[in-house]
Protein backbone atom coordinates (compact mmCIF):
# COMPACT_ATOMS: atom_id res chain seq x y z
CA MET A 1 0.00 0.00 0.00
CA GLY A 2 1.57 3.27 -1.09
CA ARG A 3 1.99 6.30 1.11
CA ARG A 4 -1.13 8.47 1.30
CA ASN A 5 -1.63 11.79 3.01
CA THR A 6 -3.26 11.50 6.43
CA ILE A 7 -3.38 13.89 9.35
CA PHE A 8 -1.94 11.25 11.67
CA THR A 9 1.42 9.49 11.57
CA THR A 10 0.74 6.43 13.74
CA ILE A 11 -2.10 4.00 14.37
CA THR A 12 -3.20 3.31 17.95
CA GLN A 13 -5.62 0.88 19.51
CA SER A 14 -7.80 3.86 20.50
CA MET A 15 -8.10 4.78 16.83
CA ILE A 16 -9.03 1.23 15.88
CA ASN A 17 -11.67 1.08 18.62
CA SER A 18 -13.06 4.44 17.54
CA TRP A 19 -13.29 3.24 13.93
CA GLN A 20 -15.12 0.08 14.92
CA ILE A 21 -17.67 2.05 16.92
CA CYS A 22 -18.30 4.71 14.27
CA PRO A 23 -16.10 5.61 11.27
CA GLU A 24 -17.79 9.02 11.00
CA ARG A 25 -16.85 9.74 14.60
CA PHE A 26 -13.31 8.62 13.73
CA ARG A 27 -13.27 11.09 10.84
CA ARG A 28 -14.34 14.01 13.02
CA ARG A 29 -11.76 13.18 15.70
CA TYR A 30 -8.72 12.01 13.76
CA ILE A 31 -9.09 13.55 10.28
CA GLU A 32 -10.81 16.87 11.02
CA GLU A 33 -9.22 17.08 14.49
CA GLU A 34 -12.47 18.19 16.11
CA ILE A 35 -11.53 17.18 19.61
CA ILE A 36 -14.34 16.91 22.12
CA PRO A 37 -13.16 16.15 25.66
CA PRO A 38 -14.11 12.79 27.14
CA GLY A 39 -16.65 12.39 29.93
CA ILE A 40 -16.04 12.34 33.65
CA ALA A 41 -15.45 8.56 33.72
CA ALA A 42 -12.38 9.00 31.51
CA LYS A 43 -11.12 11.84 33.72
CA ILE A 44 -11.38 9.59 36.75
CA GLY A 45 -9.37 6.99 34.83
CA THR A 46 -6.73 9.62 33.98
CA GLY A 47 -6.32 10.57 37.62
CA PHE A 48 -6.23 6.94 38.75
CA HIS A 49 -3.49 6.08 36.24
CA LYS A 50 -1.35 8.99 37.38
CA GLY A 51 -1.51 7.80 40.97
CA CYS A 52 -0.43 4.31 39.87
CA GLU A 53 2.34 5.75 37.72
CA VAL A 54 3.76 7.78 40.60
CA ASN A 55 3.98 4.64 42.70
CA HIS A 56 5.50 2.56 39.90
CA ARG A 57 8.22 5.16 39.25
CA HIS A 58 9.07 5.25 42.93
CA LYS A 59 9.09 1.47 43.13
CA ILE A 60 11.39 0.97 40.13
CA THR A 61 14.12 2.92 41.92
CA HIS A 62 13.38 2.13 45.57
CA GLY A 63 11.87 -1.36 45.35
CA GLU A 64 8.93 -0.54 47.59
CA ASN A 65 5.61 1.28 47.44
CA ILE A 66 5.43 4.96 48.17
CA GLU A 67 3.08 6.24 50.88
CA ILE A 68 -0.60 5.79 50.05
CA SER A 69 -1.31 9.48 50.67
CA ILE A 70 1.13 10.45 47.90
CA ILE A 71 -0.59 8.10 45.46
CA GLN A 72 -3.99 9.54 46.39
CA ASP A 73 -2.77 13.13 46.11
CA ALA A 74 -1.28 12.45 42.69
CA ALA A 75 -4.52 10.84 41.47
CA ARG A 76 -6.64 13.71 42.77
CA ASP A 77 -4.36 16.44 41.41
CA GLU A 78 -4.19 14.86 37.94
CA TYR A 79 -7.99 14.46 37.85
CA ILE A 80 -8.41 18.17 38.63
CA ARG A 81 -5.60 19.25 36.28
CA SER A 82 -6.96 17.26 33.36
CA ILE A 83 -10.42 18.77 33.75
CA LYS A 84 -9.09 22.32 34.02
CA GLU A 85 -6.69 21.96 31.09
CA TYR A 86 -8.74 19.89 28.65
CA GLY A 87 -12.34 20.18 29.82
CA VAL A 88 -14.92 17.45 30.27
CA PHE A 89 -17.97 16.42 28.26
CA PHE A 90 -21.45 16.40 29.76
CA PRO A 91 -24.57 15.64 27.70
CA PRO A 92 -27.19 18.42 27.80
CA GLU A 93 -29.41 16.63 30.31
CA GLU A 94 -26.54 16.34 32.81
CA LYS A 95 -25.15 19.88 32.64
CA SER A 96 -27.25 21.01 35.60
CA THR A 97 -25.55 18.40 37.80
CA ALA A 98 -22.07 18.81 36.34
CA LYS A 99 -20.61 20.55 39.39
CA ILE A 100 -21.95 17.88 41.74
CA GLN A 101 -20.58 15.11 39.55
CA LEU A 102 -17.16 16.74 39.30
CA GLU A 103 -16.92 17.13 43.06
CA ALA A 104 -18.01 13.53 43.61
CA GLY A 105 -15.35 12.46 41.11
CA VAL A 106 -12.64 13.65 43.50
CA ASP A 107 -13.79 11.19 46.15
CA VAL A 108 -14.08 8.40 43.60
CA VAL A 109 -10.57 8.82 42.20
CA VAL A 110 -9.05 9.00 45.69
CA SER A 111 -10.95 5.84 46.71
CA LEU A 112 -9.83 4.00 43.58
CA ALA A 113 -6.22 4.92 44.32
CA GLU A 114 -6.65 3.43 47.78
CA SER A 115 -8.02 0.21 46.29
CA TYR A 116 -5.04 0.00 43.95
CA TYR A 117 -2.65 0.41 46.88
CA TYR A 118 -4.16 -2.40 48.93
CA GLU A 119 -5.22 -4.78 46.16
CA LEU A 120 -2.51 -4.56 43.50
CA ALA A 121 0.48 -2.34 44.23
CA SER A 122 2.45 -4.91 46.22
CA LYS A 123 2.16 -7.46 43.38
CA ILE A 124 3.91 -5.25 40.82
CA GLN A 125 7.65 -4.74 40.46
CA PRO A 126 7.95 -2.53 37.34
CA LYS A 127 10.41 -2.88 34.50
CA LEU A 128 8.71 -0.53 32.00
CA ILE A 129 6.42 2.36 33.00
CA GLU A 130 4.19 4.37 30.66
CA GLU A 131 6.37 3.42 27.69
CA THR A 132 5.26 4.33 24.16
CA LEU A 133 6.11 1.36 21.94
CA ALA A 134 5.71 0.76 18.21
CA VAL A 135 5.63 -2.07 15.70
CA ASP A 136 5.76 -1.94 11.90
CA ILE A 137 3.06 -3.84 10.06
CA PRO A 138 3.89 -5.32 6.64
CA GLY A 139 1.75 -3.62 4.01
CA LEU A 140 1.24 -0.43 6.03
CA ASP A 141 3.39 2.68 6.03
CA LEU A 142 2.27 3.78 9.50
CA PRO A 143 3.51 2.09 12.69
CA LEU A 144 1.12 0.64 15.24
CA CYS A 145 1.77 2.33 18.59
CA GLY A 146 0.64 2.00 22.16
CA ARG A 147 1.48 3.32 25.61
CA VAL A 148 1.92 0.48 28.09
CA ASP A 149 0.87 1.20 31.68
CA VAL A 150 3.44 -1.08 33.26
CA PHE A 151 5.41 -4.23 32.48
CA THR A 152 6.93 -6.16 35.35
CA GLU A 153 10.33 -7.70 35.98
CA ASP A 154 8.78 -11.18 35.95
CA GLY A 155 7.14 -10.76 32.54
CA TRP A 156 3.61 -9.75 33.57
CA LEU A 157 1.71 -7.23 31.46
CA PRO A 158 -1.16 -5.92 33.59
CA ASP A 159 -3.41 -3.26 32.05
CA LEU A 160 -5.05 -1.12 34.71
CA LYS A 161 -8.66 -0.08 34.17
CA THR A 162 -11.46 1.74 35.96
CA ALA A 163 -14.99 0.71 35.09
CA ALA A 164 -18.61 1.21 36.09
CA GLN A 165 -19.18 -2.54 36.37
CA LYS A 166 -17.30 -5.81 36.25
CA TRP A 167 -15.97 -7.06 32.93
CA SER A 168 -16.92 -10.35 31.35
CA GLN A 169 -14.20 -12.78 30.34
CA GLN A 170 -15.37 -12.33 26.76
CA LYS A 171 -14.64 -8.60 26.91
CA ALA A 172 -11.10 -9.27 28.06
CA ASP A 173 -10.57 -11.96 25.42
CA ASN A 174 -11.87 -9.70 22.62
CA SER A 175 -9.89 -6.62 23.63
CA ILE A 176 -7.90 -5.06 20.79
CA GLN A 177 -5.66 -3.37 23.33
CA ALA A 178 -4.42 -6.67 24.74
CA THR A 179 -3.65 -7.93 21.23
CA VAL A 180 -1.68 -4.80 20.39
CA TYR A 181 0.24 -4.55 23.67
CA ASN A 182 1.08 -8.24 23.70
CA ARG A 183 2.87 -7.78 20.36
CA LEU A 184 4.49 -4.49 21.36
CA ILE A 185 6.15 -6.13 24.35
CA ARG A 186 7.56 -8.83 22.09
CA GLU A 187 9.06 -6.17 19.82
CA VAL A 188 10.89 -4.62 22.77
CA THR A 189 11.90 -7.66 24.82
CA GLY A 190 12.02 -10.37 22.16
CA GLU A 191 9.45 -12.43 24.01
CA TYR A 192 5.71 -12.33 24.59
CA PRO A 193 4.56 -11.51 28.13
CA LYS A 194 4.41 -14.53 30.42
CA LYS A 195 1.11 -13.25 31.77
CA LEU A 196 -1.42 -10.86 30.25
CA SER A 197 -4.26 -9.45 32.33
CA PHE A 198 -6.71 -6.65 32.96
CA GLU A 199 -6.68 -5.30 36.52
CA ILE A 200 -10.08 -3.65 36.86
CA PHE A 201 -11.24 -1.34 39.63
CA ILE A 202 -15.02 -0.99 39.64
CA LYS A 203 -16.45 2.30 40.84
CA ASN A 204 -19.21 1.97 43.42
CA SER A 205 -20.76 4.55 45.72
CA LYS A 206 -20.24 2.30 48.75
CA LYS A 207 -17.19 0.26 47.87
CA ASN A 208 -14.66 -0.10 45.06
CA HIS A 209 -14.41 -3.69 43.91
CA TYR A 210 -11.31 -5.16 42.33
CA GLN A 211 -11.33 -7.72 39.51
CA SER A 212 -8.42 -9.44 37.79
CA LEU A 213 -8.99 -11.13 34.43
CA GLU A 214 -6.23 -13.04 32.68
CA THR A 215 -6.38 -13.40 28.91
CA VAL A 216 -4.26 -15.03 26.21
CA ARG A 217 -3.11 -13.85 22.80
CA THR A 218 -1.31 -15.66 19.97
CA GLY A 219 0.44 -14.54 16.82
CA ALA A 220 -2.70 -15.48 14.90
CA ASP A 221 -4.69 -12.93 16.92
CA PHE A 222 -2.31 -10.19 15.81
CA GLU A 223 -2.44 -11.30 12.18
CA THR A 224 -6.23 -11.08 12.25
CA LEU A 225 -6.06 -7.62 13.81
CA CYS A 226 -3.70 -6.53 11.02
CA ILE A 227 -6.36 -7.47 8.46
CA ARG A 228 -8.80 -5.19 10.27
CA ILE A 229 -6.27 -2.37 10.36
CA LYS A 230 -5.48 -2.67 6.65
CA THR A 231 -9.17 -2.60 5.77
CA MET A 232 -9.65 0.43 8.00
CA MET A 233 -6.80 2.30 6.32
CA GLN A 234 -8.01 1.41 2.83
CA MET A 235 -11.33 3.05 3.67
CA VAL A 236 -9.60 6.06 5.25
CA TYR A 237 -7.50 6.59 2.10
CA ALA A 238 -10.63 6.22 -0.03
CA GLY A 239 -12.49 8.79 2.09
CA LEU A 240 -15.18 6.35 3.17
CA PHE A 241 -16.54 7.01 6.67
CA PRO A 242 -19.94 5.35 7.21
CA PRO A 243 -21.92 6.10 10.38
CA ALA A 244 -22.52 3.74 13.26
CA ALA A 245 -25.66 1.64 13.20
CA SER A 246 -28.65 3.83 14.05
CA ASP A 247 -29.39 1.69 17.12
CA SER A 248 -25.79 1.64 18.35
CA TRP A 249 -25.30 2.40 22.05
CA MET A 250 -22.81 5.10 21.06
CA CYS A 251 -25.24 6.89 18.73
CA GLN A 252 -26.88 8.84 21.55
CA PRO A 253 -26.31 12.37 22.89
CA LYS A 254 -25.26 10.92 26.25
CA TRP A 255 -22.25 9.16 24.75
CA CYS A 256 -21.29 11.07 21.61
CA GLY A 257 -20.29 14.72 21.65
CA TYR A 258 -20.62 14.85 17.84
CA TYR A 259 -24.30 13.87 17.98
CA TRP A 260 -25.64 17.41 17.65
CA THR A 261 -23.66 18.19 14.51
CA CYS A 262 -23.70 14.74 12.93
CA PRO A 263 -25.08 14.74 9.35
CA TYR A 264 -26.47 11.24 9.91
CA ILE A 265 -28.81 12.37 12.72
CA SER A 266 -32.02 14.04 11.60
CA LYS A 267 -32.90 17.52 12.89
CA SER A 268 -36.12 16.20 14.39
CA ARG A 269 -34.22 13.66 16.49
CA LYS A 270 -31.80 16.29 17.73
CA VAL A 271 -34.60 18.58 18.85
CA TYR A 272 -36.54 15.70 20.41
CA SER A 273 -33.50 14.33 22.23
CA TYR A 274 -32.62 17.72 23.62
């Protein structure tokens, strides 16, 4: 496939996921660069990851966890910073409660950081932390890239997540991210991870529950993903960006910030939904 002009220079698992949900949404975000900030759930995840990162960086040099209060402070501060610097998306019907939700988010992110400290932190001895890795795909002129949360000394690749509810095993086994990161680690270390898992912290008003799901990937999984990527890029180069299915969970004003300006949503639906 010859070189074509695109606004982006790498392919990430986030881009692939976005394409699979809605190619038109992909076009607005990655081609037109119309960036709408993510919702509060993503901001909580951003803060949570920063708290984990601070501990991992301390642990890689000192061999032990940092104080829990430092992890919590880092998570809270990053949550607040990200909102102030990049904004946060609220659907129209939730704007009246935005301030309440944002304030509640502080408590949630601090609580999640506490759960990480007691449930997971002691199990991780980092080797790589927040590393951006890349792999070249035959037939594509753009590298496939990803930013790995943490990779341990004993060959474990845990991906840390926050979620509203527990994951199914099927969700873990179908994750594009795991397929990508599994291959990226091999490119750097020469070997696949010995263990691949999702470490999930479920947000709950009364208690944060922790879930660990192991999953397995093979070279065949990556080859299949490459077929998807090549098809995606062929359509991008051809300028073909179909909409999501009209009954898709994403095609709602609550989940998509492009809903109100989307050419595939009728004016009557926009007025009615608002």
